[in-house]
Amino acid sequence: SDLSSANMHMIPADDSVKYQLEQVRVGQVVHIQGFLVDASRPDGWHWNTSMTRDDTGAGACELIYVESLYIGDR
């Protein structure tokens, strides 16, 4: 497995963080502060985050609740 990449899904903490996430472009270095989370809805739908770096396929994605981020350069 390739431990140098990951499929991460971002959940913005607020509209400001959402706006910043929308500004991220290919090639930029992004510093993210937040938490790995599981997501669920009252109707029973749920999505659990991966907690390991060596899994692959369905269920291998990280779900990140983003509280803040900084967009830098390469």
Protein backbone atom coordinates (compact mmCIF):
# COMPACT_ATOMS: atom_id res chain seq x y z
CA SER A 1 0.00 0.00 0.00
CA ASP A 2 1.09 3.60 -0.59
CA LEU A 3 1.50 5.30 2.80
CA SER A 4 2.41 8.67 1.24
CA SER A 5 -1.13 9.54 0.14
CA ALA A 6 -4.59 9.52 1.68
CA ASN A 7 -8.16 10.21 0.67
CA MET A 8 -9.41 12.77 3.20
CA HIS A 9 -12.88 14.29 3.45
CA MET A 10 -13.08 17.68 5.16
CA ILE A 11 -16.00 18.81 7.33
CA PRO A 12 -15.65 22.56 7.93
CA ALA A 13 -16.36 23.79 11.46
CA ASP A 14 -17.91 27.03 10.14
CA ASP A 15 -18.42 29.15 7.02
CA SER A 16 -15.00 30.79 7.37
CA VAL A 17 -13.23 27.42 7.32
CA LYS A 18 -15.47 26.31 4.42
CA TYR A 19 -14.40 29.39 2.44
CA GLN A 20 -10.71 28.71 3.15
CA LEU A 21 -11.06 25.07 2.07
CA GLU A 22 -12.61 26.24 -1.21
CA GLN A 23 -9.51 28.39 -1.87
CA VAL A 24 -7.05 25.46 -1.74
CA ARG A 25 -5.41 24.72 -5.11
CA VAL A 26 -3.21 21.93 -6.47
CA GLY A 27 0.41 22.31 -5.38
CA GLN A 28 -0.27 24.26 -2.21
CA VAL A 29 0.85 23.08 1.20
CA VAL A 30 -2.01 23.14 3.71
CA HIS A 31 -1.69 22.91 7.50
CA ILE A 32 -4.96 21.60 8.97
CA GLN A 33 -6.02 21.59 12.62
CA GLY A 34 -8.98 19.49 13.65
CA PHE A 35 -10.09 16.02 14.61
CA LEU A 36 -10.75 12.67 13.00
CA VAL A 37 -14.49 12.09 13.38
CA ASP A 38 -17.25 9.65 12.59
CA ALA A 39 -20.33 11.17 10.93
CA SER A 40 -23.96 10.12 11.38
CA ARG A 41 -27.52 11.31 10.82
CA PRO A 42 -30.72 10.62 12.76
CA ASP A 43 -31.98 8.44 9.87
CA GLY A 44 -29.29 5.85 10.65
CA TRP A 45 -26.75 6.81 7.97
CA HIS A 46 -23.18 6.78 9.28
CA TRP A 47 -19.63 7.08 7.99
CA ASN A 48 -16.70 6.06 10.17
CA THR A 49 -13.25 7.53 9.71
CA SER A 50 -10.23 5.39 9.08
CA MET A 51 -7.91 5.20 12.08
CA THR A 52 -4.93 3.63 10.32
CA ARG A 53 -2.61 4.53 7.44
CA ASP A 54 -2.29 1.08 5.87
CA ASP A 55 -5.90 0.35 4.91
CA THR A 56 -7.23 0.52 1.36
CA GLY A 57 -10.57 0.50 -0.48
CA ALA A 58 -13.99 1.26 0.98
CA GLY A 59 -13.75 2.58 4.53
CA ALA A 60 -10.12 3.69 4.18
CA CYS A 61 -10.91 7.43 4.04
CA GLU A 62 -10.20 9.87 6.83
CA LEU A 63 -13.03 12.23 7.85
CA ILE A 64 -11.61 15.42 9.33
CA TYR A 65 -13.57 18.05 11.27
CA VAL A 66 -11.50 21.11 10.32
CA GLU A 67 -11.34 23.85 12.95
CA SER A 68 -8.68 25.92 11.21
CA LEU A 69 -6.24 25.80 8.34
CA TYR A 70 -3.34 27.71 6.91
CA ILE A 71 -2.55 27.71 3.17
CA GLY A 72 1.17 28.07 2.49
CA ASP A 73 3.57 27.64 -0.39
CA ARG A 74 5.45 24.60 -1.58
